[in-house]
Amino acid sequence: MKKLAVISAVILLMVMSTGCGSKNDGEVAQGDKTGGSSTEVKKILVGTGTQFPNVCFIDEDGKLTGFDVELVKEIDKLLPEYEFEFKTMNFDNLLLSLETNKIDFVAHQMEKNKEREEKFLFNKEPYSIFLSKVAVTKDNTTINSIEDLKGKKVLIGPTSNQATFLKEYNATHDNALEIVYSSGEANDEVTLFENKRVDATLSTDFAIRDYLGTDGTPALKTVGEALIQSDVLFVLRKDGQELSDKLDEAVKTLKGNGTLAKLSVQWLGQDFTKSLAEETKK
């Protein structure tokens, strides 16, 4: 009997030990995405599109890629407490999906404006920075700066940051230039230039690639110094401050180690990560 009691005690200890081992294995399985921690990983749904060439699009292999997509993947590597998952949709649905909790933030080359800021939170560290300059036809040699626009017709989008800038410029320069508001269609705007109905616009080196002439090459060039800085940021709900701060930390890290500039050159054609102050120092 004594021997039987000892055997039973040993079996009981083995069962208890096995049970504890199973529990620990379960905790590791639910740990972080590196498998080295028992901290629960929070899934973050990232809204983006599929129709923005070089930014967020489906490649020939059916893979979602582009600057914003690959940047989010790099950020995901730096934030083990989160697991990012993309949800693709039409651009027009992104902010509505954010507002209705279907996604947690938007990555689609978004800029601030007053209406958006009233509803949403933007992170602070820009991941693209677009500098607006005077843009003219590529064969124009007479306009080289904003000072050369006196008496000229300048085409601009009615609700753009560039339009606000030009209105303020006119207010302090005796209405030096004539503002012509555009429809927003790049091809229509090129036609206005070709027909000599406008002389210039304000644009960025990134955007003018969409203004194609009849030969299929960019019809415009930028001239002079940068006039306006437009920061590209992630858009979150107002309650997303913690995530926003984490995104800022990650973007700063990727700027510091050169990854952000490398991605910009790879996908956007050049380094669009430098601020107006940095460009002025050149």
Protein backbone atom coordinates (compact mmCIF):
# COMPACT_ATOMS: atom_id res chain seq x y z
CA MET A 1 0.00 0.00 0.00
CA LYS A 2 2.80 2.37 0.88
CA LYS A 3 4.46 1.63 -2.45
CA LEU A 4 1.16 2.22 -4.25
CA ALA A 5 0.75 5.61 -2.52
CA VAL A 6 4.21 6.70 -3.66
CA ILE A 7 3.46 5.75 -7.27
CA SER A 8 0.16 7.69 -7.16
CA ALA A 9 1.93 10.78 -5.82
CA VAL A 10 4.49 10.62 -8.64
CA ILE A 11 1.74 10.30 -11.26
CA LEU A 12 -0.11 13.28 -9.74
CA LEU A 13 3.02 15.43 -9.88
CA MET A 14 3.56 14.49 -13.54
CA VAL A 15 -0.01 15.47 -14.41
CA MET A 16 0.32 18.80 -12.62
CA SER A 17 3.62 19.46 -14.34
CA THR A 18 2.15 18.67 -17.75
CA GLY A 19 -0.81 20.93 -17.09
CA CYS A 20 1.46 23.86 -16.18
CA GLY A 21 3.52 23.29 -19.30
CA SER A 22 0.43 23.43 -21.50
CA LYS A 23 -0.63 26.72 -19.97
CA ASN A 24 2.77 28.30 -20.54
CA ASP A 25 2.77 27.15 -24.16
CA GLY A 26 -0.60 28.79 -24.63
CA GLU A 27 0.67 32.08 -23.24
CA VAL A 28 3.63 32.10 -25.64
CA ALA A 29 1.32 31.43 -28.59
CA GLN A 30 -0.68 34.55 -27.68
CA GLY A 31 2.43 36.66 -27.15
CA ASP A 32 3.98 39.33 -29.37
CA LYS A 33 4.56 38.81 -33.10
CA THR A 34 8.22 37.94 -32.44
CA GLY A 35 7.12 35.10 -30.15
CA GLY A 36 9.30 36.31 -27.30
CA SER A 37 6.79 37.96 -24.97
CA SER A 38 3.48 37.23 -23.30
CA THR A 39 2.24 40.75 -24.07
CA GLU A 40 -0.94 40.74 -26.13
CA VAL A 41 -0.55 42.17 -29.62
CA LYS A 42 -3.17 44.70 -30.72
CA LYS A 43 -4.34 44.42 -34.32
CA ILE A 44 -4.44 47.74 -36.18
CA LEU A 45 -6.46 48.05 -39.38
CA VAL A 46 -4.82 50.37 -41.88
CA GLY A 47 -6.98 51.91 -44.59
CA THR A 48 -5.41 52.51 -47.98
CA GLY A 49 -6.27 52.37 -51.67
CA THR A 50 -5.28 50.43 -54.77
CA GLN A 51 -5.43 53.09 -57.51
CA PHE A 52 -2.61 55.49 -56.62
CA PRO A 53 0.44 54.62 -58.77
CA ASN A 54 3.67 54.25 -56.78
CA VAL A 55 1.85 55.04 -53.52
CA CYS A 56 -0.72 52.27 -52.97
CA PHE A 57 -1.56 49.98 -55.87
CA ILE A 58 -1.80 46.37 -57.00
CA ASP A 59 1.29 45.29 -58.93
CA GLU A 60 1.45 42.85 -61.86
CA ASP A 61 1.69 39.95 -59.41
CA GLY A 62 -1.54 40.97 -57.68
CA LYS A 63 0.34 42.28 -54.62
CA LEU A 64 -0.56 45.44 -52.72
CA THR A 65 2.53 47.65 -52.65
CA GLY A 66 3.79 51.22 -53.09
CA PHE A 67 5.41 53.87 -50.92
CA ASP A 68 2.72 54.15 -48.25
CA VAL A 69 2.25 50.37 -48.09
CA GLU A 70 5.94 49.53 -47.75
CA LEU A 71 6.39 52.34 -45.21
CA VAL A 72 3.63 50.92 -43.01
CA LYS A 73 5.33 47.52 -43.21
CA GLU A 74 8.58 49.07 -41.97
CA ILE A 75 6.72 50.80 -39.13
CA ASP A 76 5.08 47.50 -38.22
CA LYS A 77 8.54 45.98 -37.70
CA LEU A 78 9.37 48.72 -35.18
CA LEU A 79 6.19 48.36 -33.12
CA PRO A 80 5.97 44.80 -31.72
CA GLU A 81 2.95 45.73 -29.60
CA TYR A 82 0.90 46.17 -32.80
CA GLU A 83 0.09 44.03 -35.80
CA PHE A 84 -0.89 46.06 -38.85
CA GLU A 85 -3.37 44.70 -41.36
CA PHE A 86 -4.34 46.51 -44.56
CA LYS A 87 -7.91 47.11 -45.63
CA THR A 88 -8.19 48.46 -49.18
CA MET A 89 -11.05 50.59 -50.46
CA ASN A 90 -11.89 53.51 -52.72
CA PHE A 91 -10.27 56.74 -51.65
CA ASP A 92 -13.68 58.38 -51.08
CA ASN A 93 -14.53 55.77 -48.43
CA LEU A 94 -11.36 56.04 -46.34
CA LEU A 95 -12.33 58.83 -43.94
CA LEU A 96 -15.86 57.51 -43.53
CA SER A 97 -14.46 54.08 -42.66
CA LEU A 98 -12.16 55.70 -40.13
CA GLU A 99 -15.03 57.67 -38.59
CA THR A 100 -17.16 54.51 -38.27
CA ASN A 101 -14.38 52.44 -36.64
CA LYS A 102 -13.89 50.13 -39.61
CA ILE A 103 -10.20 51.07 -39.75
CA ASP A 104 -7.78 52.60 -37.24
CA PHE A 105 -5.77 54.97 -39.43
CA VAL A 106 -5.39 56.03 -43.06
CA ALA A 107 -2.20 55.77 -45.10
CA HIS A 108 -2.89 57.42 -48.46
CA GLN A 109 -0.74 60.55 -48.84
CA MET A 110 -3.19 62.68 -46.84
CA GLU A 111 -2.66 66.34 -45.98
CA LYS A 112 -4.29 68.46 -43.31
CA ASN A 113 -7.06 70.89 -44.01
CA LYS A 114 -9.47 72.69 -41.69
CA GLU A 115 -12.40 70.35 -42.34
CA ARG A 116 -10.35 67.21 -41.70
CA GLU A 117 -8.77 68.60 -38.52
CA GLU A 118 -12.21 69.26 -37.05
CA LYS A 119 -13.06 65.55 -37.25
CA PHE A 120 -9.79 63.68 -37.13
CA LEU A 121 -6.37 63.46 -35.51
CA PHE A 122 -3.17 63.71 -37.53
CA ASN A 123 0.20 62.41 -36.39
CA LYS A 124 2.86 65.13 -36.08
CA GLU A 125 5.85 63.72 -37.96
CA PRO A 126 5.33 63.96 -41.76
CA TYR A 127 6.44 61.01 -43.84
CA SER A 128 6.36 62.94 -47.12
CA ILE A 129 6.90 66.66 -47.59
CA PHE A 130 5.88 68.32 -50.83
CA LEU A 131 7.20 71.78 -51.65
CA SER A 132 5.16 73.92 -54.04
CA LYS A 133 6.98 76.09 -56.55
CA VAL A 134 6.01 78.10 -59.61
CA ALA A 135 5.43 75.72 -62.53
CA VAL A 136 5.49 76.67 -66.20
CA THR A 137 5.71 74.89 -69.56
CA LYS A 138 9.05 73.20 -70.01
CA ASP A 139 10.03 75.53 -72.90
CA ASN A 140 9.29 78.73 -70.91
CA THR A 141 12.42 80.80 -70.22
CA THR A 142 10.86 84.10 -69.09
CA ILE A 143 9.28 83.01 -65.80
CA ASN A 144 11.84 81.93 -63.21
CA SER A 145 10.25 82.96 -59.90
CA ILE A 146 7.03 84.25 -58.37
CA GLU A 147 8.20 87.82 -59.00
CA ASP A 148 7.99 87.10 -62.74
CA LEU A 149 4.25 86.41 -62.46
CA LYS A 150 3.25 90.08 -62.32
CA GLY A 151 0.42 90.58 -64.83
CA LYS A 152 0.31 86.84 -65.57
CA LYS A 153 -2.54 84.33 -65.30
CA VAL A 154 -1.90 81.66 -62.68
CA LEU A 155 -3.97 78.47 -62.69
CA ILE A 156 -4.82 76.93 -59.33
CA GLY A 157 -7.35 74.66 -57.60
CA PRO A 158 -10.01 76.74 -55.80
CA THR A 159 -9.75 75.01 -52.39
CA SER A 160 -6.03 74.22 -52.39
CA ASN A 161 -3.31 75.50 -50.07
CA GLN A 162 -1.74 77.06 -53.15
CA ALA A 163 -4.88 79.12 -53.76
CA THR A 164 -4.79 80.46 -50.21
CA PHE A 165 -1.13 81.36 -50.67
CA LEU A 166 -1.79 83.23 -53.93
CA LYS A 167 -4.68 85.18 -52.42
CA GLU A 168 -2.44 86.27 -49.55
CA TYR A 169 0.34 87.12 -51.99
CA ASN A 170 -1.99 89.30 -54.05
CA ALA A 171 -3.22 91.05 -50.90
CA THR A 172 0.31 92.20 -50.11
CA HIS A 173 1.48 92.78 -53.70
CA ASP A 174 -1.23 95.04 -55.13
CA ASN A 175 -3.01 92.17 -56.94
CA ALA A 176 0.08 91.50 -59.00
CA LEU A 177 -1.24 88.36 -60.69
CA GLU A 178 -4.56 87.04 -61.99
CA ILE A 179 -5.80 83.83 -60.37
CA VAL A 180 -7.58 81.38 -62.68
CA TYR A 181 -9.36 78.49 -60.96
CA SER A 182 -9.02 75.02 -62.44
CA SER A 183 -11.33 72.03 -62.73
CA GLY A 184 -8.72 69.76 -61.19
CA GLU A 185 -8.18 67.58 -64.27
CA ALA A 186 -4.49 67.53 -65.21
CA ASN A 187 -5.13 66.99 -68.93
CA ASP A 188 -7.55 69.94 -69.05
CA GLU A 189 -4.99 72.13 -67.33
CA VAL A 190 -2.26 71.18 -69.82
CA THR A 191 -4.64 72.22 -72.61
CA LEU A 192 -5.00 75.66 -71.02
CA PHE A 193 -1.21 76.02 -71.08
CA GLU A 194 -0.95 74.81 -74.66
CA ASN A 195 -3.64 77.29 -75.75
CA LYS A 196 -1.81 80.13 -73.94
CA ARG A 197 -4.83 80.80 -71.73
CA VAL A 198 -2.72 80.58 -68.55
CA ASP A 199 0.95 81.28 -67.90
CA ALA A 200 1.81 79.37 -64.75
CA THR A 201 0.60 77.38 -61.77
CA LEU A 202 1.92 76.34 -58.38
CA SER A 203 2.81 72.68 -58.11
CA THR A 204 5.33 70.19 -56.74
CA ASP A 205 7.96 68.08 -58.44
CA PHE A 206 5.87 65.04 -57.53
CA ALA A 207 2.57 66.35 -58.96
CA ILE A 208 3.82 67.77 -62.26
CA ARG A 209 4.53 64.26 -63.48
CA ASP A 210 0.76 63.96 -64.02
CA TYR A 211 0.74 66.94 -66.38
CA LEU A 212 1.57 65.15 -69.63
CA GLY A 213 1.91 66.72 -73.03
CA THR A 214 0.87 65.20 -76.36
CA ASP A 215 4.20 63.37 -76.53
CA GLY A 216 3.45 61.58 -73.24
CA THR A 217 6.20 63.35 -71.28
CA PRO A 218 5.75 65.93 -68.46
CA ALA A 219 4.61 69.22 -69.98
CA LEU A 220 5.60 71.41 -67.03
CA LYS A 221 8.68 72.17 -64.96
CA THR A 222 9.10 73.88 -61.59
CA VAL A 223 11.20 77.03 -61.23
CA GLY A 224 12.43 79.27 -58.44
CA GLU A 225 12.44 78.65 -54.72
CA ALA A 226 9.95 76.58 -52.75
CA LEU A 227 6.98 78.68 -51.59
CA ILE A 228 4.73 76.32 -49.60
CA GLN A 229 5.33 73.20 -47.54
CA SER A 230 2.62 70.53 -47.52
CA ASP A 231 3.10 67.76 -44.97
CA VAL A 232 1.78 64.26 -45.63
CA LEU A 233 0.54 62.54 -42.45
CA PHE A 234 -1.41 59.57 -41.17
CA VAL A 235 -5.05 60.26 -40.23
CA LEU A 236 -6.53 58.76 -37.05
CA ARG A 237 -9.64 59.16 -34.93
CA LYS A 238 -9.53 61.72 -32.14
CA ASP A 239 -9.12 58.91 -29.57
CA GLY A 240 -6.00 57.58 -31.30
CA GLN A 241 -3.36 59.69 -29.55
CA GLU A 242 -1.39 56.72 -28.19
CA LEU A 243 -1.13 55.12 -31.62
CA SER A 244 -0.32 58.50 -33.18
CA ASP A 245 2.61 58.97 -30.79
CA LYS A 246 3.91 55.49 -31.64
CA LEU A 247 3.68 56.25 -35.36
CA ASP A 248 5.64 59.46 -34.80
CA GLU A 249 8.40 57.58 -32.98
CA ALA A 250 8.63 55.04 -35.79
CA VAL A 251 8.71 57.67 -38.57
CA LYS A 252 11.48 59.54 -36.74
CA THR A 253 13.48 56.30 -36.49
CA LEU A 254 13.04 55.58 -40.20
CA LYS A 255 14.08 59.12 -41.05
CA GLY A 256 17.14 58.84 -38.86
CA ASN A 257 18.37 55.55 -40.30
CA GLY A 258 17.76 56.57 -43.93
CA THR A 259 14.97 54.07 -44.63
CA LEU A 260 12.32 56.74 -45.28
CA ALA A 261 14.44 58.58 -47.86
CA LYS A 262 15.32 55.26 -49.52
CA LEU A 263 11.66 54.31 -49.85
CA SER A 264 10.82 57.76 -51.24
CA VAL A 265 13.48 57.51 -53.94
CA GLN A 266 12.46 53.94 -54.77
CA TRP A 267 8.73 54.60 -55.12
CA LEU A 268 8.28 58.36 -55.67
CA GLY A 269 11.34 59.02 -57.81
CA GLN A 270 13.24 61.30 -55.43
CA ASP A 271 13.67 62.15 -51.77
CA PHE A 272 10.46 63.91 -50.72
CA THR A 273 11.27 63.87 -46.99
CA LYS A 274 13.07 67.20 -46.58
CA SER A 275 11.31 70.25 -45.11
CA LEU A 276 11.28 73.77 -46.51
CA ALA A 277 13.87 74.78 -43.91
CA GLU A 278 16.15 71.91 -44.94
CA GLU A 279 15.79 72.76 -48.63
CA THR A 280 16.55 76.43 -47.96
CA LYS A 281 19.87 75.47 -46.33
CA LYS A 282 21.09 73.87 -49.57
